[in-house]
Protein backbone atom coordinates (compact mmCIF):
# COMPACT_ATOMS: atom_id res chain seq x y z
CA UNK A 1 -18.00 -4.14 -97.64
CA UNK A 2 -21.18 -5.47 -99.24
CA UNK A 3 -23.05 -4.22 -96.18
CA UNK A 4 -22.08 -0.65 -97.07
CA UNK A 5 -22.57 -0.67 -100.85
CA UNK A 6 -24.62 -2.06 -103.70
CA UNK A 7 -22.25 -3.17 -106.49
CA UNK A 8 -22.66 -3.28 -110.25
CA UNK A 9 -20.15 -4.07 -112.98
CA UNK A 10 -20.06 -2.32 -116.34
CA UNK A 11 -17.77 -1.45 -119.23
CA UNK A 12 -17.17 2.18 -120.24
CA UNK A 13 -16.47 3.15 -123.83
CA UNK A 14 -16.59 -0.53 -124.73
CA UNK A 15 -13.24 -1.32 -123.16
CA UNK A 16 -12.75 0.22 -119.70
CA UNK A 17 -13.82 -2.15 -116.90
CA UNK A 18 -15.62 -0.29 -114.12
CA UNK A 19 -17.62 -0.89 -110.99
CA UNK A 20 -20.38 1.18 -109.40
CA UNK A 21 -20.33 1.32 -105.61
CA UNK A 22 -23.71 2.72 -104.58
CA UNK A 23 -23.86 3.82 -100.95
CA UNK A 24 -26.48 1.91 -98.93
CA UNK A 25 -26.41 4.53 -96.17
CA UNK A 26 -25.40 7.99 -97.47
CA UNK A 27 -23.31 10.01 -95.06
CA UNK A 28 -20.46 7.52 -94.58
CA UNK A 29 -17.25 9.26 -93.53
CA UNK A 30 -15.02 10.42 -96.37
CA UNK A 31 -12.07 8.53 -94.88
CA UNK A 32 -13.97 5.25 -95.00
CA UNK A 33 -15.18 5.87 -98.57
CA UNK A 34 -11.64 6.67 -99.75
CA UNK A 35 -10.28 3.50 -98.14
CA UNK A 36 -13.07 1.37 -99.60
CA UNK A 37 -12.73 2.74 -103.14
CA UNK A 38 -8.97 2.22 -103.14
CA UNK A 39 -9.43 -1.34 -101.88
CA UNK A 40 -12.04 -2.07 -104.56
CA UNK A 41 -9.83 -0.61 -107.29
CA UNK A 42 -7.05 -2.99 -106.32
CA UNK A 43 -9.26 -6.05 -105.87
CA UNK A 44 -11.30 -5.59 -109.06
CA UNK A 45 -8.48 -4.06 -111.14
CA UNK A 46 -11.09 -1.63 -112.46
CA UNK A 47 -12.25 1.94 -112.22
CA UNK A 48 -14.56 2.38 -109.23
CA UNK A 49 -17.25 5.05 -109.33
CA UNK A 50 -18.69 5.96 -105.93
CA UNK A 51 -22.41 6.84 -106.15
CA UNK A 52 -24.29 8.75 -103.45
CA UNK A 53 -27.59 10.68 -103.55
CA UNK A 54 -25.88 13.59 -101.80
CA UNK A 55 -22.51 14.81 -100.54
CA UNK A 56 -21.76 17.57 -98.08
CA UNK A 57 -19.31 20.24 -99.27
CA UNK A 58 -16.68 18.84 -96.91
CA UNK A 59 -17.15 15.26 -98.17
CA UNK A 60 -16.97 16.43 -101.78
CA UNK A 61 -13.75 18.35 -101.14
CA UNK A 62 -12.05 15.33 -99.55
CA UNK A 63 -13.06 13.06 -102.44
CA UNK A 64 -11.79 15.54 -105.03
CA UNK A 65 -8.51 16.04 -103.16
CA UNK A 66 -7.98 12.26 -103.08
CA UNK A 67 -8.92 11.74 -106.75
CA UNK A 68 -11.89 9.52 -105.96
CA UNK A 69 -14.29 9.13 -108.92
CA UNK A 70 -17.85 9.92 -107.79
CA UNK A 71 -21.28 10.88 -109.04
CA UNK A 72 -24.27 12.50 -107.36
CA UNK A 73 -27.16 11.64 -109.71
CA UNK A 74 -28.70 14.68 -111.42
CA UNK A 75 -26.21 16.96 -109.67
CA UNK A 76 -22.45 16.36 -109.83
CA UNK A 77 -19.76 14.27 -111.53
CA UNK A 78 -16.05 13.93 -110.88
CA UNK A 79 -14.09 11.24 -112.73
CA UNK A 80 -10.35 12.01 -112.95
CA UNK A 81 -9.74 8.43 -114.10
CA UNK A 82 -11.65 9.38 -117.27
CA UNK A 83 -10.10 12.85 -117.49
CA UNK A 84 -13.40 14.41 -116.39
CA UNK A 85 -12.98 17.37 -114.06
CA UNK A 86 -15.62 18.31 -111.49
CA UNK A 87 -18.91 19.16 -113.18
CA UNK A 88 -22.26 20.42 -111.97
CA UNK A 89 -25.42 19.34 -113.75
CA UNK A 90 -26.78 21.87 -116.28
CA UNK A 91 -29.18 24.42 -114.82
CA UNK A 92 -32.15 23.01 -116.75
CA UNK A 93 -31.60 19.58 -115.19
CA UNK A 94 -31.26 21.02 -111.70
CA UNK A 95 -34.41 23.06 -112.20
CA UNK A 96 -36.34 19.92 -113.06
CA UNK A 97 -35.71 18.39 -109.65
CA UNK A 98 -35.29 21.51 -107.50
CA UNK A 99 -37.67 22.53 -104.74
CA UNK A 100 -40.14 25.34 -105.12
CA UNK A 101 -38.56 28.58 -103.85
CA UNK A 102 -41.19 28.67 -101.10
CA UNK A 103 -40.31 25.13 -100.00
CA UNK A 104 -36.59 25.98 -99.99
CA UNK A 105 -37.22 29.11 -97.92
CA UNK A 106 -39.31 27.26 -95.32
CA UNK A 107 -36.78 24.42 -95.11
CA UNK A 108 -33.90 26.87 -94.56
CA UNK A 109 -35.92 28.77 -91.96
CA UNK A 110 -36.60 25.53 -90.05
CA UNK A 111 -32.98 24.34 -90.31
CA UNK A 112 -31.68 27.62 -88.90
CA UNK A 113 -34.26 28.01 -86.16
CA UNK A 114 -33.33 24.63 -84.72
CA UNK A 115 -36.83 23.16 -84.99
CA UNK A 116 -36.46 19.61 -83.70
CA UNK A 117 -40.12 18.86 -82.95
CA UNK A 118 -43.34 19.08 -84.90
CA UNK A 119 -44.04 22.45 -86.55
CA UNK A 120 -46.91 23.91 -88.51
CA UNK A 121 -46.13 24.53 -92.19
CA UNK A 122 -49.18 26.80 -92.36
CA UNK A 123 -47.93 29.10 -89.57
CA UNK A 124 -44.34 29.24 -90.82
CA UNK A 125 -45.49 29.84 -94.40
CA UNK A 126 -47.77 32.64 -93.26
CA UNK A 127 -44.78 34.33 -91.59
CA UNK A 128 -43.11 34.40 -95.01
CA UNK A 129 -46.22 35.80 -96.67
CA UNK A 130 -47.29 32.55 -98.36
CA UNK A 131 -50.90 31.35 -98.65
CA UNK A 132 -52.38 28.17 -97.17
CA UNK A 133 -52.44 26.66 -100.66
CA UNK A 134 -48.70 27.32 -101.03
CA UNK A 135 -48.10 25.84 -97.57
CA UNK A 136 -49.88 22.65 -98.61
CA UNK A 137 -47.92 22.39 -101.84
CA UNK A 138 -44.49 23.02 -100.28
CA UNK A 139 -45.29 20.52 -97.52
CA UNK A 140 -45.91 17.87 -100.19
CA UNK A 141 -42.60 18.70 -101.85
CA UNK A 142 -40.61 18.46 -98.62
CA UNK A 143 -42.26 15.17 -97.67
CA UNK A 144 -41.84 13.78 -101.18
CA UNK A 145 -38.10 14.50 -101.16
CA UNK A 146 -37.71 12.70 -97.82
CA UNK A 147 -36.62 15.88 -96.02
CA UNK A 148 -39.47 16.03 -93.51
CA UNK A 149 -42.00 13.65 -91.98
CA UNK A 150 -45.72 14.35 -91.72
CA UNK A 151 -47.83 13.66 -88.63
CA UNK A 152 -50.99 11.62 -88.92
CA UNK A 153 -54.35 12.38 -87.39
CA UNK A 154 -55.87 15.67 -86.35
CA UNK A 155 -57.29 18.43 -88.51
CA UNK A 156 -53.96 20.20 -88.97
CA UNK A 157 -50.92 18.40 -90.34
CA UNK A 158 -47.58 19.03 -88.66
CA UNK A 159 -44.08 18.34 -89.96
CA UNK A 160 -40.69 17.59 -88.49
CA UNK A 161 -37.24 17.18 -89.99
CA UNK A 162 -36.43 13.65 -91.14
CA UNK A 163 -33.12 13.51 -89.29
CA UNK A 164 -30.65 15.95 -87.78
CA UNK A 165 -30.24 19.40 -89.30
CA UNK A 166 -26.86 18.42 -90.76
CA UNK A 167 -28.31 15.25 -92.33
CA UNK A 168 -31.31 17.03 -93.84
CA UNK A 169 -29.14 19.86 -95.23
CA UNK A 170 -26.83 17.32 -96.89
CA UNK A 171 -29.75 15.29 -98.24
CA UNK A 172 -31.40 18.42 -99.63
CA UNK A 173 -28.39 19.49 -101.72
CA UNK A 174 -29.58 18.03 -105.07
CA UNK A 175 -32.88 19.91 -104.68
CA UNK A 176 -31.53 23.34 -103.72
CA UNK A 177 -30.44 26.14 -106.01
CA UNK A 178 -29.29 29.74 -105.78
CA UNK A 179 -32.07 32.08 -104.68
CA UNK A 180 -30.72 34.77 -107.03
CA UNK A 181 -32.94 35.28 -110.07
CA UNK A 182 -31.10 38.28 -111.51
CA UNK A 183 -29.06 41.31 -110.44
CA UNK A 184 -29.69 45.02 -111.02
CA UNK A 185 -27.59 48.07 -110.19
CA UNK A 186 -29.27 50.92 -108.32
CA UNK A 187 -28.41 54.25 -106.73
CA UNK A 188 -28.59 53.25 -103.09
CA UNK A 189 -29.57 56.49 -101.30
CA UNK A 190 -32.95 57.05 -102.94
CA UNK A 191 -33.49 53.29 -103.39
CA UNK A 192 -33.05 52.73 -99.65
CA UNK A 193 -35.66 55.43 -98.99
CA UNK A 194 -38.15 53.80 -101.37
CA UNK A 195 -37.67 50.33 -99.88
CA UNK A 196 -37.84 51.59 -96.30
CA UNK A 197 -41.07 53.52 -96.92
CA UNK A 198 -42.60 50.46 -98.58
CA UNK A 199 -41.49 48.12 -95.80
CA UNK A 200 -39.27 45.98 -98.02
CA UNK A 201 -36.04 44.95 -96.21
CA UNK A 202 -32.94 44.45 -98.35
CA UNK A 203 -30.34 42.64 -96.20
CA UNK A 204 -26.65 42.55 -97.06
CA UNK A 205 -25.80 39.76 -99.48
CA UNK A 206 -23.05 38.32 -101.66
CA UNK A 207 -19.42 38.50 -100.63
CA UNK A 208 -20.23 41.57 -98.51
CA UNK A 209 -22.15 39.27 -96.16
CA UNK A 210 -18.86 37.54 -95.33
CA UNK A 211 -17.02 40.72 -94.34
CA UNK A 212 -16.51 42.17 -90.88
CA UNK A 213 -19.72 43.75 -89.48
CA UNK A 214 -17.87 47.05 -89.13
CA UNK A 215 -17.79 47.36 -92.92
CA UNK A 216 -21.47 46.54 -93.47
CA UNK A 217 -22.47 50.21 -93.64
CA UNK A 218 -20.71 50.46 -97.01
CA UNK A 219 -21.84 47.06 -98.34
CA UNK A 220 -22.20 47.05 -102.11
CA UNK A 221 -24.57 44.07 -102.46
CA UNK A 222 -28.10 43.70 -101.11
CA UNK A 223 -30.89 41.15 -101.57
CA UNK A 224 -34.51 41.91 -102.44
CA UNK A 225 -37.49 39.63 -103.03
CA UNK A 226 -38.68 39.60 -106.65
CA UNK A 227 -42.20 40.45 -105.48
CA UNK A 228 -40.90 43.49 -103.60
CA UNK A 229 -39.18 44.66 -106.78
CA UNK A 230 -42.44 44.28 -108.69
CA UNK A 231 -44.38 46.29 -106.11
CA UNK A 232 -41.70 48.97 -105.88
CA UNK A 233 -41.57 49.58 -109.64
CA UNK A 234 -38.53 51.12 -111.30
CA UNK A 235 -35.85 51.90 -108.73
CA UNK A 236 -33.40 54.83 -109.06
CA UNK A 237 -30.61 53.80 -111.43
CA UNK A 238 -26.95 54.78 -111.04
CA UNK A 239 -26.02 58.10 -112.61
CA UNK A 240 -23.45 60.90 -112.48
CA UNK A 241 -25.15 62.43 -109.44
CA UNK A 242 -25.31 59.16 -107.50
CA UNK A 243 -22.92 59.03 -104.55
CA UNK A 244 -23.20 55.28 -103.97
CA UNK A 245 -24.10 52.40 -106.29
CA UNK A 246 -25.36 49.07 -104.97
CA UNK A 247 -25.99 45.79 -106.73
CA UNK A 248 -29.38 44.33 -105.86
CA UNK A 249 -29.68 40.56 -106.00
CA UNK A 250 -33.30 39.76 -106.85
CA UNK A 251 -34.28 36.64 -104.90
CA UNK A 252 -36.93 34.01 -105.61
CA UNK A 253 -37.98 34.04 -101.94
CA UNK A 254 -38.01 36.82 -99.29
CA UNK A 255 -34.41 37.18 -98.02
CA UNK A 256 -35.64 38.86 -94.84
CA UNK A 257 -37.63 35.72 -93.92
CA UNK A 258 -34.44 33.71 -93.40
CA UNK A 259 -31.96 36.56 -92.77
CA UNK A 260 -30.00 37.01 -89.56
CA UNK A 261 -30.38 40.65 -88.63
CA UNK A 262 -29.36 42.79 -91.60
CA UNK A 263 -27.42 39.97 -93.32
CA UNK A 264 -28.77 37.13 -95.46
CA UNK A 265 -28.71 33.71 -93.82
CA UNK A 266 -25.58 31.53 -94.25
CA UNK A 267 -27.38 28.68 -96.05
CA UNK A 268 -28.89 30.91 -98.73
CA UNK A 269 -25.59 32.78 -98.93
CA UNK A 270 -23.78 29.48 -99.54
CA UNK A 271 -26.19 28.62 -102.36
CA UNK A 272 -25.93 32.09 -103.92
CA UNK A 273 -22.12 31.93 -104.04
CA UNK A 274 -21.84 28.46 -105.59
CA UNK A 275 -19.61 28.65 -108.65
CA UNK A 276 -18.48 32.20 -107.89
CA UNK A 277 -14.96 33.25 -107.05
CA UNK A 278 -13.47 35.89 -104.81
CA UNK A 279 -14.45 34.49 -101.42
CA UNK A 280 -13.04 32.11 -98.83
CA UNK A 281 -14.86 28.84 -99.53
CA UNK A 282 -13.64 27.16 -96.34
CA UNK A 283 -14.80 30.10 -94.20
CA UNK A 284 -18.22 29.99 -95.84
CA UNK A 285 -18.58 26.24 -95.28
CA UNK A 286 -17.51 26.69 -91.67
CA UNK A 287 -20.20 29.33 -91.21
CA UNK A 288 -22.78 26.93 -92.61
CA UNK A 289 -21.66 24.14 -90.30
CA UNK A 290 -21.75 26.43 -87.27
CA UNK A 291 -25.27 27.59 -88.13
CA UNK A 292 -26.50 24.01 -88.47
CA UNK A 293 -24.82 22.80 -85.30
CA UNK A 294 -25.74 25.69 -83.05
CA UNK A 295 -28.87 27.10 -84.62
CA UNK A 296 -29.46 30.80 -84.97
CA UNK A 297 -32.31 33.09 -84.07
CA UNK A 298 -34.06 35.23 -86.62
CA UNK A 299 -34.59 38.84 -85.78
């Protein structure tokens, strides 16, 4: 078992014996982790706290269901043995370690497009409307977090994912946050005309993105880049003469850059719905897994 974990002993609250089991290789199967923690509890007669730099949603769910105490540093804590329910880190702590919105957008674009070889951060960033300076900065962030690898030699630097798409997505979790900056209500008819004339796509977002495509025509939630909102100015607000109101999610990065057709991409959708109720969590996680396994093509 020592080959799978680093161990440390400590005492909590001055009286509770405990042991930290820090994963040597993150990504171990939940079944193995559950077995190991239970074995350690019995052998050490102490609380065992499993520590991993990241957990996939599926891994986290299994650990919670089996009452396994765990912590993802800077991100999540679950310690039923100490009467601590599942907790996410405060937003200000997440913000301190989170990726730039541009870096998150490029990473999601690459994960969904199935890029397995070297790719140019400058070209992909340009497709999103980012400058060469932004491309250089986001490249440094992605490399620094261990999510991508940088080529050596040549005038232009290329990147590639540091592992499979599933591994990189799981490893990126502590650094990702919801793309939604704020929400505004608008009268959709005239707003749609303004956005169309200005060339600012507003794909379907929120829970509406999980519904059957046949109902998308009446979707009540759309996503719009914060820069597009700034350029568009004040949009028509709901009023007594408005026939259809829509809630606009204002995003930190262009939703159309990563969207699939007229619907926001499943990875950004997953992040935007974290902590919200009213949707099928398992169906959303399955959609994320399918997108990472099969790859999708952007329109």
